[in-house]
């Protein structure tokens, strides 16, 4: 590896660290740095969502479909009110809300970046009511608002460049190729375990934000405790928390009771809808995002 290429890689790594979009996550106030642009994320997510819906079967239950859309729209309105009250109107252009109930017995729901939300029919026997459904949809919407997908992809980009540079430096120092490859393999496993914890942090942040969004939309956040207790009772064979990208049911319920409910209840207006008070100051984003054309599809 010649010196010029080594210097170029170090320069690129430094550029990645310095560039990107600097942002503060709404509600939590956590700072994040994004190397992936909103346009790139939305393009990928739209493609993935379109592919999924082309093969998915929408629910034939009109009443349940209407309920999902009703709850979703109330949450979307609450998020938009929050954005406008905190000077974030420019971010509203990133969302084109859509709510679908599909025929799937799995207990699950997901939200694509940009506000494309899918609820599986198998979730409804566990939610049982609109308020509990709002807890789930608020959580999924929070992932989109917090730009967790863009943050995960940015982290992977940084890690890949770090591993490449480490390999170049080791080779330049006379380390054998076999040793370099072994170290890279071990590093990949290490990064996977660190990313598991990173994902759990995102899940916890979405729990907190989603509870606030549900409260803003007029849903009693107290129902979150009994909902997650039902979820815990309905699940079996869950992996140990340190091997999972989600917090354990016990940890999640404890966080809601002790940390998140007192905050969310400040936004609850007895079922009367949105409030505009901000739980934490929201800073505007700065700098431009680095462009990458070969990003992988979202999972």
C-alpha atoms as a PDB file:
ATOM      1  CA  UNK A   1       0.000   0.000   0.000  1.00  0.00           C
ATOM      2  CA  UNK A   2       1.657   3.251  -1.102  1.00  0.00           C
ATOM      3  CA  UNK A   3       1.882   6.273   1.122  1.00  0.00           C
ATOM      4  CA  UNK A   4      -0.405   8.381  -1.071  1.00  0.00           C
ATOM      5  CA  UNK A   5      -3.274   5.890  -0.794  1.00  0.00           C
ATOM      6  CA  UNK A   6      -2.795   5.619   2.956  1.00  0.00           C
ATOM      7  CA  UNK A   7      -2.935   9.383   3.348  1.00  0.00           C
ATOM      8  CA  UNK A   8      -6.019   9.511   1.142  1.00  0.00           C
ATOM      9  CA  UNK A   9      -7.865   6.979   3.316  1.00  0.00           C
ATOM     10  CA  UNK A  10      -6.958   8.842   6.488  1.00  0.00           C
ATOM     11  CA  UNK A  11      -8.153  12.071   4.874  1.00  0.00           C
ATOM     12  CA  UNK A  12     -11.467  10.469   3.867  1.00  0.00           C
ATOM     13  CA  UNK A  13     -11.970   9.161   7.403  1.00  0.00           C
ATOM     14  CA  UNK A  14     -11.314  12.620   8.823  1.00  0.00           C
ATOM     15  CA  UNK A  15     -13.725  14.113   6.300  1.00  0.00           C
ATOM     16  CA  UNK A  16     -16.440  11.642   7.296  1.00  0.00           C
ATOM     17  CA  UNK A  17     -15.978  12.521  10.945  1.00  0.00           C
ATOM     18  CA  UNK A  18     -16.233  16.252  10.230  1.00  0.00           C
ATOM     19  CA  UNK A  19     -19.023  16.254   7.662  1.00  0.00           C
ATOM     20  CA  UNK A  20     -22.601  15.122   7.663  1.00  0.00           C
ATOM     21  CA  UNK A  21     -25.708  16.494   9.256  1.00  0.00           C
ATOM     22  CA  UNK A  22     -25.515  17.469  12.914  1.00  0.00           C
ATOM     23  CA  UNK A  23     -28.914  17.086  14.553  1.00  0.00           C
ATOM     24  CA  UNK A  24     -30.703  16.964  17.897  1.00  0.00           C
ATOM     25  CA  UNK A  25     -33.338  14.257  18.313  1.00  0.00           C
ATOM     26  CA  UNK A  26     -36.746  15.764  19.201  1.00  0.00           C
ATOM     27  CA  UNK A  27     -38.076  15.121  22.730  1.00  0.00           C
ATOM     28  CA  UNK A  28     -34.896  13.455  24.049  1.00  0.00           C
ATOM     29  CA  UNK A  29     -32.431  16.172  23.033  1.00  0.00           C
ATOM     30  CA  UNK A  30     -29.770  13.601  22.098  1.00  0.00           C
ATOM     31  CA  UNK A  31     -27.178  14.795  19.569  1.00  0.00           C
ATOM     32  CA  UNK A  32     -26.592  12.706  16.457  1.00  0.00           C
ATOM     33  CA  UNK A  33     -24.403  12.919  13.366  1.00  0.00           C
ATOM     34  CA  UNK A  34     -25.792  11.597  10.080  1.00  0.00           C
ATOM     35  CA  UNK A  35     -23.701  10.761   7.023  1.00  0.00           C
ATOM     36  CA  UNK A  36     -26.692   9.695   4.933  1.00  0.00           C
ATOM     37  CA  UNK A  37     -28.995  12.277   3.394  1.00  0.00           C
ATOM     38  CA  UNK A  38     -32.764  12.327   3.838  1.00  0.00           C
ATOM     39  CA  UNK A  39     -33.160  11.937   0.067  1.00  0.00           C
ATOM     40  CA  UNK A  40     -31.115   8.737   0.050  1.00  0.00           C
ATOM     41  CA  UNK A  41     -32.966   7.236   2.986  1.00  0.00           C
ATOM     42  CA  UNK A  42     -36.384   8.142   1.557  1.00  0.00           C
ATOM     43  CA  UNK A  43     -35.489   6.687  -1.835  1.00  0.00           C
ATOM     44  CA  UNK A  44     -34.423   3.388  -0.297  1.00  0.00           C
ATOM     45  CA  UNK A  45     -37.352   3.185   2.097  1.00  0.00           C
ATOM     46  CA  UNK A  46     -39.901   4.013  -0.602  1.00  0.00           C
ATOM     47  CA  UNK A  47     -38.495   1.261  -2.798  1.00  0.00           C
ATOM     48  CA  UNK A  48     -38.522  -1.237   0.068  1.00  0.00           C
ATOM     49  CA  UNK A  49     -42.063  -0.259   1.097  1.00  0.00           C
ATOM     50  CA  UNK A  50     -43.357  -0.508  -2.473  1.00  0.00           C
ATOM     51  CA  UNK A  51     -41.814  -3.960  -2.857  1.00  0.00           C
ATOM     52  CA  UNK A  52     -43.345  -5.118   0.414  1.00  0.00           C
ATOM     53  CA  UNK A  53     -46.850  -3.821  -0.311  1.00  0.00           C
ATOM     54  CA  UNK A  54     -46.813  -5.341  -3.798  1.00  0.00           C
ATOM     55  CA  UNK A  55     -46.854  -8.804  -2.230  1.00  0.00           C
ATOM     56  CA  UNK A  56     -48.663  -8.098   1.066  1.00  0.00           C
ATOM     57  CA  UNK A  57     -52.391  -8.660   1.415  1.00  0.00           C
ATOM     58  CA  UNK A  58     -54.325  -5.795   2.958  1.00  0.00           C
ATOM     59  CA  UNK A  59     -56.779  -6.664   5.698  1.00  0.00           C
ATOM     60  CA  UNK A  60     -60.351  -7.397   4.656  1.00  0.00           C
ATOM     61  CA  UNK A  61     -61.638  -6.142   8.031  1.00  0.00           C
ATOM     62  CA  UNK A  62     -62.970  -2.652   7.309  1.00  0.00           C
ATOM     63  CA  UNK A  63     -63.495  -1.708  10.967  1.00  0.00           C
ATOM     64  CA  UNK A  64     -59.960  -2.652  12.030  1.00  0.00           C
ATOM     65  CA  UNK A  65     -58.471  -0.977   8.959  1.00  0.00           C
ATOM     66  CA  UNK A  66     -60.354   2.226   9.787  1.00  0.00           C
ATOM     67  CA  UNK A  67     -59.140   2.056  13.382  1.00  0.00           C
ATOM     68  CA  UNK A  68     -55.482   1.750  12.327  1.00  0.00           C
ATOM     69  CA  UNK A  69     -55.845   4.693   9.949  1.00  0.00           C
ATOM     70  CA  UNK A  70     -57.704   6.779  12.539  1.00  0.00           C
ATOM     71  CA  UNK A  71     -55.103   6.232  15.250  1.00  0.00           C
ATOM     72  CA  UNK A  72     -52.262   6.749  12.794  1.00  0.00           C
ATOM     73  CA  UNK A  73     -53.624  10.041  11.503  1.00  0.00           C
ATOM     74  CA  UNK A  74     -54.130  11.375  15.035  1.00  0.00           C
ATOM     75  CA  UNK A  75     -50.514  10.548  15.859  1.00  0.00           C
ATOM     76  CA  UNK A  76     -49.289  12.094  12.610  1.00  0.00           C
ATOM     77  CA  UNK A  77     -51.222  15.282  13.405  1.00  0.00           C
ATOM     78  CA  UNK A  78     -49.633  15.382  16.872  1.00  0.00           C
ATOM     79  CA  UNK A  79     -46.142  15.023  15.387  1.00  0.00           C
ATOM     80  CA  UNK A  80     -46.820  17.768  12.851  1.00  0.00           C
ATOM     81  CA  UNK A  81     -48.103  20.073  15.601  1.00  0.00           C
ATOM     82  CA  UNK A  82     -44.950  19.405  17.595  1.00  0.00           C
ATOM     83  CA  UNK A  83     -42.709  20.136  14.600  1.00  0.00           C
ATOM     84  CA  UNK A  84     -44.467  23.416  13.849  1.00  0.00           C
ATOM     85  CA  UNK A  85     -44.342  24.516  17.489  1.00  0.00           C
ATOM     86  CA  UNK A  86     -40.581  23.901  17.590  1.00  0.00           C
ATOM     87  CA  UNK A  87     -39.538  25.564  14.353  1.00  0.00           C
ATOM     88  CA  UNK A  88     -39.067  22.290  12.470  1.00  0.00           C
ATOM     89  CA  UNK A  89     -41.582  22.896   9.679  1.00  0.00           C
ATOM     90  CA  UNK A  90     -38.955  22.120   7.033  1.00  0.00           C
ATOM     91  CA  UNK A  91     -38.810  18.493   8.212  1.00  0.00           C
ATOM     92  CA  UNK A  92     -42.497  17.934   7.477  1.00  0.00           C
ATOM     93  CA  UNK A  93     -41.707  17.614   3.768  1.00  0.00           C
ATOM     94  CA  UNK A  94     -39.910  14.347   4.572  1.00  0.00           C
ATOM     95  CA  UNK A  95     -43.138  12.620   5.613  1.00  0.00           C
ATOM     96  CA  UNK A  96     -45.959  11.235   3.488  1.00  0.00           C
ATOM     97  CA  UNK A  97     -48.004   9.391   6.087  1.00  0.00           C
ATOM     98  CA  UNK A  98     -49.641   6.118   5.129  1.00  0.00           C
ATOM     99  CA  UNK A  99     -51.163   3.490   7.421  1.00  0.00           C
ATOM    100  CA  UNK A 100     -51.965  -0.050   6.320  1.00  0.00           C
ATOM    101  CA  UNK A 101     -53.309  -3.122   8.112  1.00  0.00           C
ATOM    102  CA  UNK A 102     -52.124  -6.340   6.453  1.00  0.00           C
ATOM    103  CA  UNK A 103     -53.060  -9.991   6.732  1.00  0.00           C
ATOM    104  CA  UNK A 104     -50.269 -11.440   8.832  1.00  0.00           C
ATOM    105  CA  UNK A 105     -50.601 -13.425  12.061  1.00  0.00           C
ATOM    106  CA  UNK A 106     -47.300 -12.179  13.481  1.00  0.00           C
ATOM    107  CA  UNK A 107     -47.487  -9.749  16.388  1.00  0.00           C
ATOM    108  CA  UNK A 108     -45.687  -6.866  14.754  1.00  0.00           C
ATOM    109  CA  UNK A 109     -45.758  -3.433  13.138  1.00  0.00           C
ATOM    110  CA  UNK A 110     -43.150  -1.281  11.420  1.00  0.00           C
ATOM    111  CA  UNK A 111     -42.622   2.256  10.156  1.00  0.00           C
ATOM    112  CA  UNK A 112     -40.431   3.106   7.185  1.00  0.00           C
ATOM    113  CA  UNK A 113     -38.528   6.400   7.117  1.00  0.00           C
ATOM    114  CA  UNK A 114     -40.952   8.919   5.672  1.00  0.00           C
ATOM    115  CA  UNK A 115     -43.964   7.666   7.606  1.00  0.00           C
ATOM    116  CA  UNK A 116     -45.061   4.508   5.787  1.00  0.00           C
ATOM    117  CA  UNK A 117     -46.545   2.361   8.570  1.00  0.00           C
ATOM    118  CA  UNK A 118     -47.697  -1.242   8.436  1.00  0.00           C
ATOM    119  CA  UNK A 119     -49.601  -3.052  11.185  1.00  0.00           C
ATOM    120  CA  UNK A 120     -50.012  -6.843  11.184  1.00  0.00           C
ATOM    121  CA  UNK A 121     -53.432  -8.232  12.063  1.00  0.00           C
ATOM    122  CA  UNK A 122     -51.750 -10.479  14.633  1.00  0.00           C
ATOM    123  CA  UNK A 123     -50.959  -7.419  16.743  1.00  0.00           C
ATOM    124  CA  UNK A 124     -54.570  -6.383  17.341  1.00  0.00           C
ATOM    125  CA  UNK A 125     -55.529  -9.188  19.767  1.00  0.00           C
ATOM    126  CA  UNK A 126     -52.667  -7.972  21.976  1.00  0.00           C
ATOM    127  CA  UNK A 127     -53.344  -4.240  21.705  1.00  0.00           C
ATOM    128  CA  UNK A 128     -57.088  -4.814  22.268  1.00  0.00           C
ATOM    129  CA  UNK A 129     -57.989  -1.100  22.137  1.00  0.00           C
ATOM    130  CA  UNK A 130     -57.136   2.130  20.337  1.00  0.00           C
ATOM    131  CA  UNK A 131     -55.024   3.560  23.151  1.00  0.00           C
ATOM    132  CA  UNK A 132     -52.730   0.522  23.212  1.00  0.00           C
ATOM    133  CA  UNK A 133     -52.507   0.594  19.417  1.00  0.00           C
ATOM    134  CA  UNK A 134     -51.437   4.241  19.740  1.00  0.00           C
ATOM    135  CA  UNK A 135     -48.577   3.147  22.022  1.00  0.00           C
ATOM    136  CA  UNK A 136     -47.293   0.824  19.293  1.00  0.00           C
ATOM    137  CA  UNK A 137     -47.765   3.273  16.425  1.00  0.00           C
ATOM    138  CA  UNK A 138     -46.228   6.080  18.480  1.00  0.00           C
ATOM    139  CA  UNK A 139     -43.176   3.893  19.023  1.00  0.00           C
ATOM    140  CA  UNK A 140     -42.871   3.122  15.313  1.00  0.00           C
ATOM    141  CA  UNK A 141     -43.351   6.755  14.294  1.00  0.00           C
ATOM    142  CA  UNK A 142     -40.657   7.718  16.807  1.00  0.00           C
ATOM    143  CA  UNK A 143     -38.124   5.587  14.893  1.00  0.00           C
ATOM    144  CA  UNK A 144     -38.838   7.671  11.796  1.00  0.00           C
ATOM    145  CA  UNK A 145     -38.802  11.024  13.620  1.00  0.00           C
ATOM    146  CA  UNK A 146     -35.525  10.165  15.364  1.00  0.00           C
ATOM    147  CA  UNK A 147     -34.028   9.045  12.011  1.00  0.00           C
ATOM    148  CA  UNK A 148     -32.747   5.828  13.539  1.00  0.00           C
ATOM    149  CA  UNK A 149     -32.307   4.138  10.146  1.00  0.00           C
ATOM    150  CA  UNK A 150     -30.061   6.941   8.897  1.00  0.00           C
ATOM    151  CA  UNK A 151     -28.097   6.843  12.145  1.00  0.00           C
ATOM    152  CA  UNK A 152     -27.580   3.071  11.937  1.00  0.00           C
ATOM    153  CA  UNK A 153     -26.386   3.333   8.342  1.00  0.00           C
ATOM    154  CA  UNK A 154     -24.064   6.221   9.235  1.00  0.00           C
ATOM    155  CA  UNK A 155     -22.536   4.130  12.006  1.00  0.00           C
ATOM    156  CA  UNK A 156     -21.944   1.230   9.627  1.00  0.00           C
ATOM    157  CA  UNK A 157     -20.222   3.543   7.154  1.00  0.00           C
ATOM    158  CA  UNK A 158     -17.907   4.867   9.880  1.00  0.00           C
ATOM    159  CA  UNK A 159     -17.125   1.350  11.080  1.00  0.00           C
ATOM    160  CA  UNK A 160     -16.300   0.106   7.595  1.00  0.00           C
ATOM    161  CA  UNK A 161     -13.910   2.966   6.955  1.00  0.00           C
ATOM    162  CA  UNK A 162     -12.319   2.414  10.361  1.00  0.00           C
ATOM    163  CA  UNK A 163     -11.718  -1.272   9.626  1.00  0.00           C
ATOM    164  CA  UNK A 164     -10.281  -0.518   6.183  1.00  0.00           C
ATOM    165  CA  UNK A 165      -7.888   2.057   7.584  1.00  0.00           C
ATOM    166  CA  UNK A 166      -6.835  -0.278  10.412  1.00  0.00           C
ATOM    167  CA  UNK A 167      -6.006  -2.947   7.860  1.00  0.00           C
ATOM    168  CA  UNK A 168      -3.962  -0.516   5.763  1.00  0.00           C
ATOM    169  CA  UNK A 169      -2.031   0.698   8.796  1.00  0.00           C
ATOM    170  CA  UNK A 170      -1.324  -2.872   9.941  1.00  0.00           C
ATOM    171  CA  UNK A 171      -0.092  -3.907   6.497  1.00  0.00           C
ATOM    172  CA  UNK A 172       2.098  -0.820   6.274  1.00  0.00           C
ATOM    173  CA  UNK A 173       3.632  -1.785   9.624  1.00  0.00           C
ATOM    174  CA  UNK A 174       4.633  -5.215   8.285  1.00  0.00           C
ATOM    175  CA  UNK A 175       1.847  -7.260   9.865  1.00  0.00           C
ATOM    176  CA  UNK A 176       1.073 -10.447   7.895  1.00  0.00           C
ATOM    177  CA  UNK A 177      -2.046 -10.594   5.730  1.00  0.00           C
ATOM    178  CA  UNK A 178      -3.317 -13.583   7.745  1.00  0.00           C
ATOM    179  CA  UNK A 179      -3.101 -11.605  10.982  1.00  0.00           C
ATOM    180  CA  UNK A 180      -4.834  -8.639   9.379  1.00  0.00           C
ATOM    181  CA  UNK A 181      -7.688 -10.840   8.102  1.00  0.00           C
ATOM    182  CA  UNK A 182      -8.117 -12.528  11.476  1.00  0.00           C
ATOM    183  CA  UNK A 183      -8.212  -9.171  13.255  1.00  0.00           C
ATOM    184  CA  UNK A 184     -10.777  -7.899  10.745  1.00  0.00           C
ATOM    185  CA  UNK A 185     -12.998 -10.930  11.345  1.00  0.00           C
ATOM    186  CA  UNK A 186     -12.830 -10.476  15.112  1.00  0.00           C
ATOM    187  CA  UNK A 187     -13.527  -6.774  14.716  1.00  0.00           C
ATOM    188  CA  UNK A 188     -16.642  -7.550  12.689  1.00  0.00           C
ATOM    189  CA  UNK A 189     -17.984  -9.807  15.427  1.00  0.00           C
ATOM    190  CA  UNK A 190     -17.176  -7.155  18.020  1.00  0.00           C
ATOM    191  CA  UNK A 191     -18.957  -4.503  16.006  1.00  0.00           C
ATOM    192  CA  UNK A 192     -22.021  -6.740  15.741  1.00  0.00           C
ATOM    193  CA  UNK A 193     -22.292  -7.033  19.513  1.00  0.00           C
ATOM    194  CA  UNK A 194     -21.805  -3.309  20.020  1.00  0.00           C
ATOM    195  CA  UNK A 195     -24.473  -2.640  17.428  1.00  0.00           C
ATOM    196  CA  UNK A 196     -26.898  -4.844  19.341  1.00  0.00           C
ATOM    197  CA  UNK A 197     -26.605  -2.487  22.310  1.00  0.00           C
ATOM    198  CA  UNK A 198     -26.810   0.473  19.958  1.00  0.00           C
ATOM    199  CA  UNK A 199     -30.101  -0.886  18.609  1.00  0.00           C
ATOM    200  CA  UNK A 200     -31.478  -1.368  22.122  1.00  0.00           C
ATOM    201  CA  UNK A 201     -30.699   2.273  22.846  1.00  0.00           C
ATOM    202  CA  UNK A 202     -32.766   3.235  19.818  1.00  0.00           C
ATOM    203  CA  UNK A 203     -35.632   1.029  20.973  1.00  0.00           C
ATOM    204  CA  UNK A 204     -35.592   2.676  24.393  1.00  0.00           C
ATOM    205  CA  UNK A 205     -35.528   6.129  22.825  1.00  0.00           C
ATOM    206  CA  UNK A 206     -38.493   5.188  20.617  1.00  0.00           C
ATOM    207  CA  UNK A 207     -40.393   3.982  23.695  1.00  0.00           C
ATOM    208  CA  UNK A 208     -39.909   7.363  25.339  1.00  0.00           C
ATOM    209  CA  UNK A 209     -40.743   9.453  22.277  1.00  0.00           C
ATOM    210  CA  UNK A 210     -43.659   7.248  21.249  1.00  0.00           C
ATOM    211  CA  UNK A 211     -45.259   7.577  24.660  1.00  0.00           C
ATOM    212  CA  UNK A 212     -45.098  11.364  24.357  1.00  0.00           C
ATOM    213  CA  UNK A 213     -46.565  11.315  20.834  1.00  0.00           C
ATOM    214  CA  UNK A 214     -49.438   9.084  22.009  1.00  0.00           C
ATOM    215  CA  UNK A 215     -50.139  11.461  24.884  1.00  0.00           C
ATOM    216  CA  UNK A 216     -50.062  14.444  22.520  1.00  0.00           C
ATOM    217  CA  UNK A 217     -52.610  12.690  20.320  1.00  0.00           C
ATOM    218  CA  UNK A 218     -54.972  12.349  23.267  1.00  0.00           C
ATOM    219  CA  UNK A 219     -54.292   8.735  24.273  1.00  0.00           C
ATOM    220  CA  UNK A 220     -53.702   7.876  27.925  1.00  0.00           C
ATOM    221  CA  UNK A 221     -50.015   6.822  28.178  1.00  0.00           C
ATOM    222  CA  UNK A 222     -50.764   4.772  31.301  1.00  0.00           C
ATOM    223  CA  UNK A 223     -52.060   1.944  29.093  1.00  0.00           C
ATOM    224  CA  UNK A 224     -48.480   1.310  27.943  1.00  0.00           C
ATOM    225  CA  UNK A 225     -47.755  -0.681  31.102  1.00  0.00           C
ATOM    226  CA  UNK A 226     -50.617  -3.154  30.697  1.00  0.00           C
ATOM    227  CA  UNK A 227     -49.988  -3.407  26.948  1.00  0.00           C
ATOM    228  CA  UNK A 228     -46.339  -4.402  27.394  1.00  0.00           C
ATOM    229  CA  UNK A 229     -47.354  -6.817  30.138  1.00  0.00           C
ATOM    230  CA  UNK A 230     -49.674  -8.488  27.618  1.00  0.00           C
ATOM    231  CA  UNK A 231     -46.855  -8.520  25.080  1.00  0.00           C
ATOM    232  CA  UNK A 232     -44.582 -10.206  27.614  1.00  0.00           C
ATOM    233  CA  UNK A 233     -47.240 -12.810  28.366  1.00  0.00           C
ATOM    234  CA  UNK A 234     -47.807 -13.534  24.668  1.00  0.00           C
ATOM    235  CA  UNK A 235     -44.120 -13.973  23.775  1.00  0.00           C
ATOM    236  CA  UNK A 236     -42.060 -17.087  24.352  1.00  0.00           C
ATOM    237  CA  UNK A 237     -38.483 -18.112  23.713  1.00  0.00           C
ATOM    238  CA  UNK A 238     -37.189 -14.539  23.621  1.00  0.00           C
ATOM    239  CA  UNK A 239     -33.379 -14.274  23.581  1.00  0.00           C
ATOM    240  CA  UNK A 240     -31.425 -12.929  26.543  1.00  0.00           C
ATOM    241  CA  UNK A 241     -31.365  -9.144  26.544  1.00  0.00           C
ATOM    242  CA  UNK A 242     -27.638  -8.840  25.878  1.00  0.00           C
ATOM    243  CA  UNK A 243     -28.112 -10.854  22.655  1.00  0.00           C
ATOM    244  CA  UNK A 244     -31.190  -8.955  21.524  1.00  0.00           C
ATOM    245  CA  UNK A 245     -31.687  -5.694  19.643  1.00  0.00           C
ATOM    246  CA  UNK A 246     -34.718  -4.976  21.851  1.00  0.00           C
ATOM    247  CA  UNK A 247     -34.797  -4.377  25.602  1.00  0.00           C
ATOM    248  CA  UNK A 248     -36.220  -7.191  27.706  1.00  0.00           C
ATOM    249  CA  UNK A 249     -39.903  -6.909  28.574  1.00  0.00           C
ATOM    250  CA  UNK A 250     -39.027  -6.354  32.234  1.00  0.00           C
ATOM    251  CA  UNK A 251     -36.561  -3.564  31.415  1.00  0.00           C
ATOM    252  CA  UNK A 252     -39.002  -1.907  29.037  1.00  0.00           C
ATOM    253  CA  UNK A 253     -41.850  -1.939  31.562  1.00  0.00           C
ATOM    254  CA  UNK A 254     -39.603  -0.638  34.330  1.00  0.00           C
ATOM    255  CA  UNK A 255     -38.395   2.240  32.130  1.00  0.00           C
ATOM    256  CA  UNK A 256     -41.966   3.172  31.229  1.00  0.00           C
ATOM    257  CA  UNK A 257     -43.142   3.144  34.833  1.00  0.00           C
ATOM    258  CA  UNK A 258     -40.193   4.943  36.394  1.00  0.00           C
ATOM    259  CA  UNK A 259     -38.810   7.188  33.650  1.00  0.00           C
ATOM    260  CA  UNK A 260     -41.163   7.772  30.735  1.00  0.00           C
ATOM    261  CA  UNK A 261     -44.689   7.964  32.145  1.00  0.00           C
ATOM    262  CA  UNK A 262     -44.113  11.055  34.332  1.00  0.00           C
ATOM    263  CA  UNK A 263     -42.832  12.934  31.272  1.00  0.00           C
ATOM    264  CA  UNK A 264     -45.570  11.711  28.919  1.00  0.00           C
ATOM    265  CA  UNK A 265     -48.345  12.569  31.358  1.00  0.00           C
ATOM    266  CA  UNK A 266     -47.292  16.224  31.126  1.00  0.00           C
ATOM    267  CA  UNK A 267     -48.508  16.109  27.511  1.00  0.00           C
ATOM    268  CA  UNK A 268     -51.729  14.223  28.169  1.00  0.00           C
ATOM    269  CA  UNK A 269     -54.747  16.489  27.917  1.00  0.00           C
ATOM    270  CA  UNK A 270     -57.474  14.077  29.006  1.00  0.00           C
ATOM    271  CA  UNK A 271     -58.082  12.786  25.502  1.00  0.00           C
ATOM    272  CA  UNK A 272     -58.476  16.259  23.975  1.00  0.00           C
ATOM    273  CA  UNK A 273     -55.631  15.995  21.504  1.00  0.00           C
ATOM    274  CA  UNK A 274     -52.273  17.594  20.869  1.00  0.00           C
ATOM    275  CA  UNK A 275     -50.276  19.969  22.993  1.00  0.00           C
ATOM    276  CA  UNK A 276     -47.432  22.088  21.710  1.00  0.00           C
ATOM    277  CA  UNK A 277     -45.069  22.121  24.684  1.00  0.00           C
ATOM    278  CA  UNK A 278     -41.571  20.830  23.994  1.00  0.00           C
ATOM    279  CA  UNK A 279     -39.944  18.453  26.473  1.00  0.00           C
ATOM    280  CA  UNK A 280     -36.459  19.451  25.356  1.00  0.00           C
ATOM    281  CA  UNK A 281     -35.066  22.233  23.154  1.00  0.00           C
ATOM    282  CA  UNK A 282     -34.809  21.251  19.527  1.00  0.00           C
ATOM    283  CA  UNK A 283     -31.810  22.499  17.578  1.00  0.00           C
ATOM    284  CA  UNK A 284     -31.867  22.994  13.834  1.00  0.00           C
ATOM    285  CA  UNK A 285     -29.654  20.767  11.727  1.00  0.00           C
ATOM    286  CA  UNK A 286     -26.447  22.160  10.290  1.00  0.00           C
ATOM    287  CA  UNK A 287     -24.099  21.240   7.443  1.00  0.00           C
ATOM    288  CA  UNK A 288     -24.832  19.161   4.388  1.00  0.00           C
ATOM    289  CA  UNK A 289     -25.001  15.411   4.266  1.00  0.00           C
ATOM    290  CA  UNK A 290     -22.353  13.411   2.426  1.00  0.00           C
ATOM    291  CA  UNK A 291     -23.732  11.623  -0.644  1.00  0.00           C
ATOM    292  CA  UNK A 292     -23.424   7.850  -1.018  1.00  0.00           C
ATOM    293  CA  UNK A 293     -24.863   6.106  -4.051  1.00  0.00           C
ATOM    294  CA  UNK A 294     -24.252   2.457  -3.109  1.00  0.00           C
ATOM    295  CA  UNK A 295     -26.137   2.176   0.177  1.00  0.00           C
ATOM    296  CA  UNK A 296     -27.718  -1.193   0.954  1.00  0.00           C
ATOM    297  CA  UNK A 297     -31.476  -1.616   1.142  1.00  0.00           C
ATOM    298  CA  UNK A 298     -33.080  -1.128   4.477  1.00  0.00           C
ATOM    299  CA  UNK A 299     -33.880  -4.305   6.401  1.00  0.00           C
END
